[in-house]
Amino acid sequence: VILQECCSEEVNNDFFYQQLANTYGNMSVATMIQRELIFGEAAFGFPLTTPVRPNLAQHFVGIVPSPGAVYLVLNTYTPASILSAVSGAWVLLCFVLASALLAGTLIWLVENHDRKRSMFSHDFFYGIYDGFWFSMVTMTSVGFGDITPRSRLGKFVVLLWMVVGTISLALFTATITTSLTTSTLNVDTQLRGAKVSVVAQSEASKLAILNGATVAVEAPNAAEAIKAVLNGSCEGVIMDQLVAGDLM
């Protein structure tokens, strides 16, 4: 953004990085920028991620203050976490199933008064099964239409069940979602002893060492540092919060 505002919309970082690489060879971006500042003809350079000893003609100008570094870890839902979330909501699941069974039984009893028009089975067990099937389909908003209430009282009971069933299912879904979110937030994110990736010669690298982390990957840029986490080379990545926000 700074390059485009100061120079031209056609200017991009890759062009300048390629020019630096042609001059200084296979070095990190931070090192090439520093060398260009000291030995080259550059008037200013950014970003500076490592200390530079300025001469009398150089000074630092802060553009955007950094809010600090962040530690990012990769977390995915595993079968164990999903099972734990469902088992944590088993009481509510039993309540939903029991409510559906009760509603289905009530609907069957109401509809079975008029056996000629009723679409439910007249047999007790098969009728209860039909009622339970109908209440579950109605609660989940599937609505196959194979069984429908015919009487006015039956339609009124179904109308009440639509409201109660929707709320019950929403509570059950919210409980599982909350449980999964909680398990995600409880991931161990301690730096000490963790294998992390950092941008080479950055402040994040120093921060990792100071906190007892093992620097498993020193990437040339932030994007490569994140890739190291995605391919399983390390547990997390430490980088500047502004850079992380731009890449996420």
Protein backbone atom coordinates (compact mmCIF):
# COMPACT_ATOMS: atom_id res chain seq x y z
CA VAL A 1 0.00 0.00 0.00
CA ILE A 2 2.82 2.41 0.85
CA LEU A 3 4.58 1.66 -2.43
CA GLN A 4 1.43 2.21 -4.43
CA GLU A 5 0.63 5.50 -2.72
CA CYS A 6 4.16 6.91 -2.93
CA CYS A 7 5.27 5.61 -6.32
CA SER A 8 2.76 4.12 -8.71
CA GLU A 9 -0.13 1.73 -8.82
CA GLU A 10 1.94 -0.53 -11.06
CA VAL A 11 4.69 -0.89 -8.46
CA ASN A 12 4.59 -4.09 -6.41
CA ASN A 13 6.68 -5.76 -3.74
CA ASP A 14 7.76 -8.64 -5.98
CA PHE A 15 9.51 -6.21 -8.34
CA PHE A 16 11.62 -4.68 -5.59
CA TYR A 17 12.34 -8.04 -3.93
CA GLN A 18 13.54 -9.42 -7.25
CA GLN A 19 15.85 -6.43 -7.72
CA LEU A 20 17.27 -6.93 -4.24
CA ALA A 21 17.69 -10.67 -4.82
CA ASN A 22 19.63 -10.01 -8.02
CA THR A 23 21.99 -7.77 -6.07
CA TYR A 24 22.47 -9.59 -2.76
CA GLY A 25 21.66 -13.20 -3.66
CA ASN A 26 19.84 -15.70 -1.47
CA MET A 27 19.17 -13.68 1.70
CA SER A 28 16.12 -12.96 3.78
CA VAL A 29 14.06 -9.94 2.85
CA ALA A 30 14.96 -8.15 6.08
CA THR A 31 18.69 -8.66 5.49
CA MET A 32 18.47 -7.43 1.90
CA ILE A 33 16.61 -4.29 2.97
CA GLN A 34 19.19 -3.56 5.65
CA ARG A 35 22.10 -4.01 3.25
CA GLU A 36 20.44 -1.78 0.69
CA LEU A 37 20.04 0.91 3.35
CA ILE A 38 23.66 0.69 4.41
CA PHE A 39 25.48 -0.01 1.15
CA GLY A 40 22.95 0.84 -1.54
CA GLU A 41 21.23 3.95 -2.75
CA ALA A 42 17.92 3.52 -0.92
CA ALA A 43 16.62 6.58 0.90
CA PHE A 44 14.37 4.58 3.22
CA GLY A 45 13.31 0.97 3.75
CA PHE A 46 10.49 -0.98 5.34
CA PRO A 47 9.79 -3.15 7.14
CA LEU A 48 12.77 -3.32 9.49
CA THR A 49 12.40 -6.48 11.55
CA THR A 50 15.89 -6.62 13.09
CA PRO A 51 18.08 -4.03 14.78
CA VAL A 52 20.08 -1.86 12.40
CA ARG A 53 23.03 0.22 13.51
CA PRO A 54 22.39 3.53 11.79
CA ASN A 55 25.19 5.85 10.78
CA LEU A 56 25.06 9.61 11.28
CA ALA A 57 22.96 10.04 8.15
CA GLN A 58 20.30 7.49 9.12
CA HIS A 59 17.43 7.70 11.56
CA PHE A 60 14.26 5.75 12.26
CA VAL A 61 10.79 7.04 11.48
CA GLY A 62 7.85 5.17 12.98
CA ILE A 63 5.01 4.68 10.48
CA VAL A 64 2.63 2.29 12.23
CA PRO A 65 3.21 1.26 15.87
CA SER A 66 3.06 -2.51 16.27
CA PRO A 67 0.57 -3.83 18.85
CA GLY A 68 2.92 -6.77 19.47
CA ALA A 69 3.33 -10.38 18.42
CA VAL A 70 0.72 -13.15 18.38
CA TYR A 71 1.03 -16.92 18.63
CA LEU A 72 -1.21 -18.71 16.13
CA VAL A 73 -1.96 -22.43 16.37
CA LEU A 74 -3.88 -24.71 14.03
CA ASN A 75 -6.93 -26.31 15.55
CA THR A 76 -9.44 -28.64 13.90
CA TYR A 77 -12.48 -30.50 15.16
CA THR A 78 -11.59 -34.12 15.82
CA PRO A 79 -14.05 -37.02 16.23
CA ALA A 80 -13.16 -37.07 19.92
CA SER A 81 -14.05 -33.39 20.36
CA ILE A 82 -17.34 -33.82 18.49
CA LEU A 83 -18.22 -36.89 20.59
CA SER A 84 -17.36 -34.98 23.74
CA ALA A 85 -19.61 -32.10 22.67
CA VAL A 86 -22.54 -34.43 21.97
CA SER A 87 -22.05 -36.35 25.21
CA GLY A 88 -22.01 -33.06 27.10
CA ALA A 89 -25.47 -32.28 25.75
CA TRP A 90 -26.99 -35.74 26.32
CA VAL A 91 -29.52 -34.44 28.85
CA LEU A 92 -30.86 -31.93 26.35
CA LEU A 93 -30.81 -34.59 23.62
CA CYS A 94 -32.96 -36.87 25.78
CA PHE A 95 -35.32 -33.97 26.43
CA VAL A 96 -35.66 -33.28 22.69
CA LEU A 97 -36.38 -36.94 21.89
CA ALA A 98 -38.81 -37.30 24.78
CA SER A 99 -40.62 -34.12 23.73
CA ALA A 100 -40.87 -35.39 20.16
CA LEU A 101 -42.26 -38.73 21.39
CA LEU A 102 -44.80 -37.00 23.63
CA ALA A 103 -45.87 -34.62 20.88
CA GLY A 104 -46.15 -37.48 18.40
CA THR A 105 -48.30 -39.49 20.78
CA LEU A 106 -50.57 -36.52 21.41
CA ILE A 107 -50.94 -35.83 17.69
CA TRP A 108 -51.76 -39.50 17.03
CA LEU A 109 -54.40 -39.52 19.77
CA VAL A 110 -56.04 -36.37 18.38
CA GLU A 111 -55.97 -37.55 14.79
CA ASN A 112 -57.12 -41.09 15.59
CA HIS A 113 -60.60 -39.90 16.59
CA ASP A 114 -61.54 -39.73 12.94
CA ARG A 115 -60.16 -43.00 11.58
CA LYS A 116 -61.60 -42.47 8.13
CA ARG A 117 -59.63 -39.26 7.50
CA SER A 118 -56.57 -39.96 9.68
CA MET A 119 -53.30 -40.63 7.85
CA PHE A 120 -51.77 -42.20 10.96
CA SER A 121 -51.81 -45.94 11.61
CA HIS A 122 -54.70 -47.13 13.79
CA ASP A 123 -52.50 -49.70 15.55
CA PHE A 124 -51.11 -48.37 18.86
CA PHE A 125 -47.42 -49.11 18.33
CA TYR A 126 -47.39 -48.25 14.63
CA GLY A 127 -49.47 -45.15 15.36
CA ILE A 128 -47.03 -43.96 18.02
CA TYR A 129 -44.19 -44.60 15.58
CA ASP A 130 -45.98 -42.57 12.90
CA GLY A 131 -46.55 -39.77 15.39
CA PHE A 132 -42.90 -39.78 16.49
CA TRP A 133 -41.76 -39.76 12.85
CA PHE A 134 -44.08 -36.87 12.07
CA SER A 135 -42.94 -34.82 15.10
CA MET A 136 -39.24 -35.32 14.27
CA VAL A 137 -39.77 -34.35 10.63
CA THR A 138 -41.74 -31.29 11.68
CA MET A 139 -39.18 -30.23 14.30
CA THR A 140 -36.28 -30.41 11.83
CA SER A 141 -38.29 -28.46 9.21
CA VAL A 142 -37.89 -31.28 6.67
CA GLY A 143 -41.59 -31.77 6.03
CA PHE A 144 -41.81 -34.83 3.76
CA GLY A 145 -45.60 -34.52 3.58
CA ASP A 146 -46.22 -38.27 3.71
CA ILE A 147 -48.24 -37.78 6.93
CA THR A 148 -50.23 -34.63 7.70
CA PRO A 149 -52.91 -33.75 10.27
CA ARG A 150 -56.45 -33.58 8.89
CA SER A 151 -58.50 -32.31 11.83
CA ARG A 152 -58.53 -28.72 13.05
CA LEU A 153 -57.52 -29.74 16.56
CA GLY A 154 -54.67 -31.82 15.16
CA LYS A 155 -53.43 -28.86 13.11
CA PHE A 156 -53.55 -26.66 16.22
CA VAL A 157 -51.49 -29.19 18.21
CA VAL A 158 -48.99 -29.43 15.36
CA LEU A 159 -48.77 -25.63 15.25
CA LEU A 160 -47.82 -25.57 18.94
CA TRP A 161 -45.30 -28.35 18.40
CA MET A 162 -43.67 -26.39 15.56
CA VAL A 163 -42.86 -23.57 17.98
CA VAL A 164 -41.76 -25.82 20.86
CA GLY A 165 -39.81 -28.20 18.61
CA THR A 166 -37.95 -25.40 16.84
CA ILE A 167 -36.89 -23.85 20.17
CA SER A 168 -35.83 -27.24 21.58
CA LEU A 169 -33.73 -28.09 18.53
CA ALA A 170 -32.17 -24.61 18.54
CA LEU A 171 -31.16 -25.03 22.20
CA PHE A 172 -29.61 -28.42 21.46
CA THR A 173 -27.67 -27.06 18.48
CA ALA A 174 -26.49 -24.03 20.46
CA THR A 175 -25.28 -26.27 23.29
CA ILE A 176 -23.17 -28.40 20.95
CA THR A 177 -21.79 -25.32 19.20
CA THR A 178 -20.83 -23.75 22.52
CA SER A 179 -19.15 -26.97 23.65
CA LEU A 180 -17.11 -27.18 20.44
CA THR A 181 -16.11 -23.52 20.74
CA THR A 182 -15.06 -24.01 24.35
CA SER A 183 -12.91 -27.01 23.46
CA THR A 184 -11.27 -24.91 20.75
CA LEU A 185 -10.47 -22.05 23.13
CA ASN A 186 -9.04 -24.46 25.70
CA VAL A 187 -6.25 -25.60 23.38
CA ASP A 188 -2.89 -25.50 25.14
CA THR A 189 -1.06 -22.52 23.66
CA GLN A 190 1.96 -22.38 25.95
CA LEU A 191 5.12 -21.35 24.14
CA ARG A 192 7.57 -23.13 26.42
CA GLY A 193 8.68 -26.33 24.73
CA ALA A 194 6.50 -25.78 21.65
CA LYS A 195 7.87 -26.12 18.11
CA VAL A 196 7.14 -22.87 16.30
CA SER A 197 7.86 -21.18 12.99
CA VAL A 198 8.98 -17.57 12.71
CA VAL A 199 10.13 -15.14 10.07
CA ALA A 200 13.92 -15.28 9.92
CA GLN A 201 15.75 -12.55 11.85
CA SER A 202 12.55 -11.05 13.24
CA GLU A 203 11.50 -9.94 16.68
CA ALA A 204 9.24 -13.00 16.79
CA SER A 205 12.33 -15.19 16.64
CA LYS A 206 13.73 -13.50 19.75
CA LEU A 207 10.38 -13.75 21.48
CA ALA A 208 10.23 -17.50 20.81
CA ILE A 209 13.67 -18.06 22.32
CA LEU A 210 12.97 -15.87 25.35
CA ASN A 211 9.80 -17.87 26.10
CA GLY A 212 11.49 -21.25 25.82
CA ALA A 213 10.01 -22.26 22.46
CA THR A 214 11.90 -24.30 19.87
CA VAL A 215 12.28 -22.51 16.54
CA ALA A 216 11.67 -25.38 14.14
CA VAL A 217 11.29 -23.31 10.98
CA GLU A 218 12.81 -19.94 10.08
CA ALA A 219 10.82 -18.87 7.05
CA PRO A 220 11.78 -16.08 4.64
CA ASN A 221 8.36 -14.43 5.02
CA ALA A 222 5.13 -14.66 7.00
CA ALA A 223 3.26 -16.66 4.37
CA GLU A 224 5.89 -19.40 4.42
CA ALA A 225 5.85 -19.40 8.22
CA ILE A 226 2.11 -20.11 8.17
CA LYS A 227 2.58 -22.86 5.57
CA ALA A 228 4.97 -24.59 7.97
CA VAL A 229 2.12 -24.86 10.47
CA LEU A 230 -0.37 -26.07 7.88
CA ASN A 231 1.91 -28.88 6.67
CA GLY A 232 2.59 -30.05 10.24
CA SER A 233 6.23 -29.00 10.51
CA CYS A 234 5.52 -27.11 13.74
CA GLU A 235 2.77 -26.48 16.26
CA GLY A 236 2.28 -22.75 15.74
CA VAL A 237 3.66 -19.55 14.30
CA ILE A 238 4.76 -16.33 16.01
CA MET A 239 4.45 -13.13 14.01
CA ASP A 240 3.54 -9.49 14.23
CA GLN A 241 -0.14 -8.95 14.97
CA LEU A 242 -0.60 -6.55 12.05
CA VAL A 243 0.97 -9.01 9.63
CA ALA A 244 -1.17 -11.84 10.98
CA GLY A 245 -4.31 -9.77 10.60
CA ASP A 246 -3.43 -8.99 7.01
CA LEU A 247 -2.83 -12.65 6.11
CA MET A 248 -5.75 -14.24 7.94
